[in-house]
């Protein structure tokens, strides 16, 4: 019975670690996606601003 408890706790710990790792990976990818979108929007705004002649606006 003790071996079964140990195996169960090991499996539970493994599942918790895997879920935690998956959450971290998803957060990293989501952050990179958001940062890339914000940078692209900023670059587009800079390009639009540079296209205007100085003193217009």
PDB file of N, CA and C in Angstrom:
ATOM      1  N   UNK A   1       0.834  -1.207   0.000  1.00  0.00           N
ATOM      2  CA  UNK A   1       0.000   0.000   0.000  1.00  0.00           C
ATOM      3  C   UNK A   1       0.862   1.248   0.000  1.00  0.00           C
ATOM      4  N   UNK A   2       1.992   1.177   0.719  1.00  0.00           N
ATOM      5  CA  UNK A   2       2.854   2.351   0.796  1.00  0.00           C
ATOM      6  C   UNK A   2       3.465   2.656  -0.574  1.00  0.00           C
ATOM      7  N   UNK A   3       3.827   1.610  -1.310  1.00  0.00           N
ATOM      8  CA  UNK A   3       4.401   1.812  -2.644  1.00  0.00           C
ATOM      9  C   UNK A   3       3.385   2.483  -3.559  1.00  0.00           C
ATOM     10  N   UNK A   4       2.122   2.065  -3.431  1.00  0.00           N
ATOM     11  CA  UNK A   4       1.065   2.655  -4.263  1.00  0.00           C
ATOM     12  C   UNK A   4       0.911   4.137  -3.950  1.00  0.00           C
ATOM     13  N   UNK A   5       0.970   4.501  -2.669  1.00  0.00           N
ATOM     14  CA  UNK A   5       0.861   5.906  -2.278  1.00  0.00           C
ATOM     15  C   UNK A   5       2.028   6.711  -2.847  1.00  0.00           C
ATOM     16  N   UNK A   6       3.215   6.134  -2.772  1.00  0.00           N
ATOM     17  CA  UNK A   6       4.393   6.828  -3.298  1.00  0.00           C
ATOM     18  C   UNK A   6       4.272   7.025  -4.809  1.00  0.00           C
ATOM     19  N   UNK A   7       3.820   5.979  -5.505  1.00  0.00           N
ATOM     20  CA  UNK A   7       3.660   6.084  -6.957  1.00  0.00           C
ATOM     21  C   UNK A   7       2.605   7.130  -7.301  1.00  0.00           C
ATOM     22  N   UNK A   8       1.514   7.143  -6.544  1.00  0.00           N
ATOM     23  CA  UNK A   8       0.453   8.115  -6.810  1.00  0.00           C
ATOM     24  C   UNK A   8       0.958   9.531  -6.597  1.00  0.00           C
ATOM     25  N   UNK A   9       1.711   9.748  -5.519  1.00  0.00           N
ATOM     26  CA  UNK A   9       2.207  11.093  -5.257  1.00  0.00           C
ATOM     27  C   UNK A   9       3.230  11.506  -6.313  1.00  0.00           C
ATOM     28  N   UNK A  10       4.031  10.555  -6.793  1.00  0.00           N
ATOM     29  CA  UNK A  10       4.988  10.873  -7.852  1.00  0.00           C
ATOM     30  C   UNK A  10       4.269  11.254  -9.143  1.00  0.00           C
ATOM     31  N   UNK A  11       3.221  10.483  -9.479  1.00  0.00           N
ATOM     32  CA  UNK A  11       2.455  10.791 -10.689  1.00  0.00           C
ATOM     33  C   UNK A  11       1.792  12.158 -10.548  1.00  0.00           C
ATOM     34  N   UNK A  12       1.231  12.430  -9.371  1.00  0.00           N
ATOM     35  CA  UNK A  12       0.588  13.729  -9.138  1.00  0.00           C
ATOM     36  C   UNK A  12       1.600  14.856  -9.283  1.00  0.00           C
ATOM     37  N   UNK A  13       2.769  14.668  -8.698  1.00  0.00           N
ATOM     38  CA  UNK A  13       3.822  15.680  -8.800  1.00  0.00           C
ATOM     39  C   UNK A  13       4.231  15.884 -10.255  1.00  0.00           C
ATOM     40  N   UNK A  14       4.364  14.804 -11.006  1.00  0.00           N
ATOM     41  CA  UNK A  14       4.716  14.915 -12.419  1.00  0.00           C
ATOM     42  C   UNK A  14       3.670  15.671 -13.201  1.00  0.00           C
ATOM     43  N   UNK A  15       2.394  15.375 -12.939  1.00  0.00           N
ATOM     44  CA  UNK A  15       1.314  16.075 -13.637  1.00  0.00           C
ATOM     45  C   UNK A  15       1.341  17.560 -13.297  1.00  0.00           C
ATOM     46  N   UNK A  16       1.549  17.886 -12.015  1.00  0.00           N
ATOM     47  CA  UNK A  16       1.602  19.290 -11.601  1.00  0.00           C
ATOM     48  C   UNK A  16       2.753  20.003 -12.305  1.00  0.00           C
ATOM     49  N   UNK A  17       3.910  19.363 -12.364  1.00  0.00           N
ATOM     50  CA  UNK A  17       5.072  19.970 -13.028  1.00  0.00           C
ATOM     51  C   UNK A  17       4.793  20.171 -14.513  1.00  0.00           C
ATOM     52  N   UNK A  18       4.178  19.176 -15.157  1.00  0.00           N
ATOM     53  CA  UNK A  18       3.875  19.304 -16.580  1.00  0.00           C
ATOM     54  C   UNK A  18       2.888  20.435 -16.832  1.00  0.00           C
ATOM     55  N   UNK A  19       1.853  20.530 -16.003  1.00  0.00           N
ATOM     56  CA  UNK A  19       0.867  21.607 -16.168  1.00  0.00           C
ATOM     57  C   UNK A  19       1.532  22.963 -15.974  1.00  0.00           C
ATOM     58  N   UNK A  20       2.389  23.066 -14.945  1.00  0.00           N
ATOM     59  CA  UNK A  20       3.092  24.322 -14.683  1.00  0.00           C
ATOM     60  C   UNK A  20       3.969  24.697 -15.880  1.00  0.00           C
ATOM     61  N   UNK A  21       4.700  23.714 -16.431  1.00  0.00           N
ATOM     62  CA  UNK A  21       5.557  23.985 -17.586  1.00  0.00           C
ATOM     63  C   UNK A  21       4.722  24.421 -18.791  1.00  0.00           C
ATOM     64  N   UNK A  22       3.573  23.783 -18.999  1.00  0.00           N
ATOM     65  CA  UNK A  22       2.713  24.161 -20.122  1.00  0.00           C
ATOM     66  C   UNK A  22       2.208  25.594 -19.951  1.00  0.00           C
ATOM     67  N   UNK A  23       1.823  25.962 -18.729  1.00  0.00           N
ATOM     68  CA  UNK A  23       1.348  27.326 -18.472  1.00  0.00           C
ATOM     69  C   UNK A  23       2.460  28.331 -18.751  1.00  0.00           C
ATOM     70  N   UNK A  24       3.675  28.018 -18.309  1.00  0.00           N
ATOM     71  CA  UNK A  24       4.808  28.927 -18.546  1.00  0.00           C
ATOM     72  C   UNK A  24       5.053  29.085 -20.042  1.00  0.00           C
ATOM     73  N   UNK A  25       5.033  27.975 -20.795  1.00  0.00           N
ATOM     74  CA  UNK A  25       5.270  28.045 -22.238  1.00  0.00           C
ATOM     75  C   UNK A  25       4.198  28.886 -22.910  1.00  0.00           C
ATOM     76  N   UNK A  26       2.934  28.663 -22.540  1.00  0.00           N
ATOM     77  CA  UNK A  26       1.837  29.432 -23.142  1.00  0.00           C
ATOM     78  C   UNK A  26       2.000  30.916 -22.815  1.00  0.00           C
ATOM     79  N   UNK A  27       2.362  31.232 -21.569  1.00  0.00           N
ATOM     80  CA  UNK A  27       2.552  32.635 -21.186  1.00  0.00           C
ATOM     81  C   UNK A  27       3.675  33.270 -21.994  1.00  0.00           C
ATOM     82  N   UNK A  28       4.777  32.539 -22.192  1.00  0.00           N
ATOM     83  CA  UNK A  28       5.913  33.089 -22.941  1.00  0.00           C
ATOM     84  C   UNK A  28       5.502  33.362 -24.383  1.00  0.00           C
ATOM     85  N   UNK A  29       4.821  32.399 -25.018  1.00  0.00           N
ATOM     86  CA  UNK A  29       4.416  32.600 -26.403  1.00  0.00           C
ATOM     87  C   UNK A  29       3.421  33.741 -26.516  1.00  0.00           C
ATOM     88  N   UNK A  30       2.455  33.824 -25.571  1.00  0.00           N
ATOM     89  CA  UNK A  30       1.468  34.895 -25.599  1.00  0.00           C
ATOM     90  C   UNK A  30       2.144  36.247 -25.433  1.00  0.00           C
ATOM     91  N   UNK A  31       3.116  36.327 -24.505  1.00  0.00           N
ATOM     92  CA  UNK A  31       3.826  37.587 -24.287  1.00  0.00           C
ATOM     93  C   UNK A  31       4.594  37.986 -25.535  1.00  0.00           C
ATOM     94  N   UNK A  32       5.280  37.024 -26.153  1.00  0.00           N
ATOM     95  CA  UNK A  32       6.034  37.341 -27.372  1.00  0.00           C
ATOM     96  C   UNK A  32       5.100  37.813 -28.477  1.00  0.00           C
ATOM     97  N   UNK A  33       3.933  37.170 -28.590  1.00  0.00           N
ATOM     98  CA  UNK A  33       2.963  37.565 -29.618  1.00  0.00           C
ATOM     99  C   UNK A  33       2.476  38.988 -29.374  1.00  0.00           C
ATOM    100  N   UNK A  34       2.137  39.301 -28.113  1.00  0.00           N
ATOM    101  CA  UNK A  34       1.624  40.630 -27.784  1.00  0.00           C
ATOM    102  C   UNK A  34       2.705  41.681 -28.016  1.00  0.00           C
ATOM    103  N   UNK A  35       3.939  41.390 -27.574  1.00  0.00           N
ATOM    104  CA  UNK A  35       5.023  42.352 -27.748  1.00  0.00           C
ATOM    105  C   UNK A  35       5.281  42.594 -29.232  1.00  0.00           C
ATOM    106  N   UNK A  36       5.265  41.533 -30.031  1.00  0.00           N
ATOM    107  CA  UNK A  36       5.492  41.686 -31.465  1.00  0.00           C
ATOM    108  C   UNK A  36       4.391  42.533 -32.093  1.00  0.00           C
ATOM    109  N   UNK A  37       3.139  42.305 -31.695  1.00  0.00           N
ATOM    110  CA  UNK A  37       2.033  43.091 -32.248  1.00  0.00           C
ATOM    111  C   UNK A  37       2.177  44.561 -31.863  1.00  0.00           C
ATOM    112  N   UNK A  38       2.540  44.818 -30.603  1.00  0.00           N
ATOM    113  CA  UNK A  38       2.705  46.208 -30.174  1.00  0.00           C
ATOM    114  C   UNK A  38       3.855  46.874 -30.921  1.00  0.00           C
ATOM    115  N   UNK A  39       4.963  46.152 -31.102  1.00  0.00           N
ATOM    116  CA  UNK A  39       6.107  46.728 -31.816  1.00  0.00           C
ATOM    117  C   UNK A  39       5.748  47.017 -33.273  1.00  0.00           C
ATOM    118  N   UNK A  40       4.998  46.105 -33.907  1.00  0.00           N
ATOM    119  CA  UNK A  40       4.603  46.336 -35.292  1.00  0.00           C
ATOM    120  C   UNK A  40       3.688  47.552 -35.393  1.00  0.00           C
ATOM    121  N   UNK A  41       2.765  47.702 -34.435  1.00  0.00           N
ATOM    122  CA  UNK A  41       1.865  48.848 -34.450  1.00  0.00           C
ATOM    123  C   UNK A  41       2.668  50.144 -34.272  1.00  0.00           C
ATOM    124  N   UNK A  42       3.647  50.108 -33.365  1.00  0.00           N
ATOM    125  CA  UNK A  42       4.485  51.293 -33.131  1.00  0.00           C
ATOM    126  C   UNK A  42       5.295  51.633 -34.382  1.00  0.00           C
ATOM    127  N   UNK A  43       5.865  50.610 -35.022  1.00  0.00           N
ATOM    128  CA  UNK A  43       6.650  50.844 -36.236  1.00  0.00           C
ATOM    129  C   UNK A  43       5.759  51.419 -37.333  1.00  0.00           C
ATOM    130  N   UNK A  44       4.541  50.904 -37.456  1.00  0.00           N
ATOM    131  CA  UNK A  44       3.615  51.420 -38.459  1.00  0.00           C
ATOM    132  C   UNK A  44       3.275  52.881 -38.179  1.00  0.00           C
ATOM    133  N   UNK A  45       3.054  53.220 -36.918  1.00  0.00           N
ATOM    134  CA  UNK A  45       2.763  54.609 -36.558  1.00  0.00           C
ATOM    135  C   UNK A  45       3.963  55.499 -36.869  1.00  0.00           C
ATOM    136  N   UNK A  46       5.162  55.020 -36.581  1.00  0.00           N
ATOM    137  CA  UNK A  46       6.366  55.797 -36.890  1.00  0.00           C
ATOM    138  C   UNK A  46       6.485  56.017 -38.395  1.00  0.00           C
ATOM    139  N   UNK A  47       6.221  54.973 -39.166  1.00  0.00           N
ATOM    140  CA  UNK A  47       6.314  55.099 -40.617  1.00  0.00           C
ATOM    141  C   UNK A  47       5.301  56.125 -41.122  1.00  0.00           C
ATOM    142  N   UNK A  48       4.076  56.054 -40.592  1.00  0.00           N
ATOM    143  CA  UNK A  48       3.035  56.974 -41.030  1.00  0.00           C
ATOM    144  C   UNK A  48       3.423  58.410 -40.674  1.00  0.00           C
ATOM    145  N   UNK A  49       4.028  58.577 -39.491  1.00  0.00           N
ATOM    146  CA  UNK A  49       4.392  59.919 -39.059  1.00  0.00           C
ATOM    147  C   UNK A  49       5.535  60.455 -39.927  1.00  0.00           C
ATOM    148  N   UNK A  50       6.472  59.576 -40.288  1.00  0.00           N
ATOM    149  CA  UNK A  50       7.609  60.022 -41.088  1.00  0.00           C
ATOM    150  C   UNK A  50       7.172  60.410 -42.503  1.00  0.00           C
ATOM    151  N   UNK A  51       6.109  59.762 -43.010  1.00  0.00           N
ATOM    152  CA  UNK A  51       5.655  60.045 -44.370  1.00  0.00           C
ATOM    153  C   UNK A  51       5.122  61.466 -44.499  1.00  0.00           C
ATOM    154  N   UNK A  52       4.522  61.978 -43.395  1.00  0.00           N
ATOM    155  CA  UNK A  52       3.964  63.327 -43.448  1.00  0.00           C
ATOM    156  C   UNK A  52       5.089  64.357 -43.578  1.00  0.00           C
ATOM    157  N   UNK A  53       4.894  65.375 -44.366  1.00  0.00           N
ATOM    158  CA  UNK A  53       5.913  66.427 -44.426  1.00  0.00           C
ATOM    159  C   UNK A  53       5.990  67.172 -43.095  1.00  0.00           C
ATOM    160  N   UNK A  54       7.154  67.663 -42.715  1.00  0.00           N
ATOM    161  CA  UNK A  54       7.281  68.377 -41.429  1.00  0.00           C
ATOM    162  C   UNK A  54       6.415  69.624 -41.430  1.00  0.00           C
ATOM    163  N   UNK A  55       5.843  69.924 -40.279  1.00  0.00           N
ATOM    164  CA  UNK A  55       4.984  71.100 -40.144  1.00  0.00           C
ATOM    165  C   UNK A  55       3.558  70.846 -40.556  1.00  0.00           C
ATOM    166  N   UNK A  56       3.222  69.622 -40.939  1.00  0.00           N
ATOM    167  CA  UNK A  56       1.846  69.304 -41.345  1.00  0.00           C
ATOM    168  C   UNK A  56       1.144  68.606 -40.196  1.00  0.00           C
ATOM    169  N   UNK A  57       0.310  69.337 -39.490  1.00  0.00           N
ATOM    170  CA  UNK A  57      -0.391  68.670 -38.440  1.00  0.00           C
ATOM    171  C   UNK A  57      -0.337  69.435 -37.177  1.00  0.00           C
TER     172      UNK A  57
END
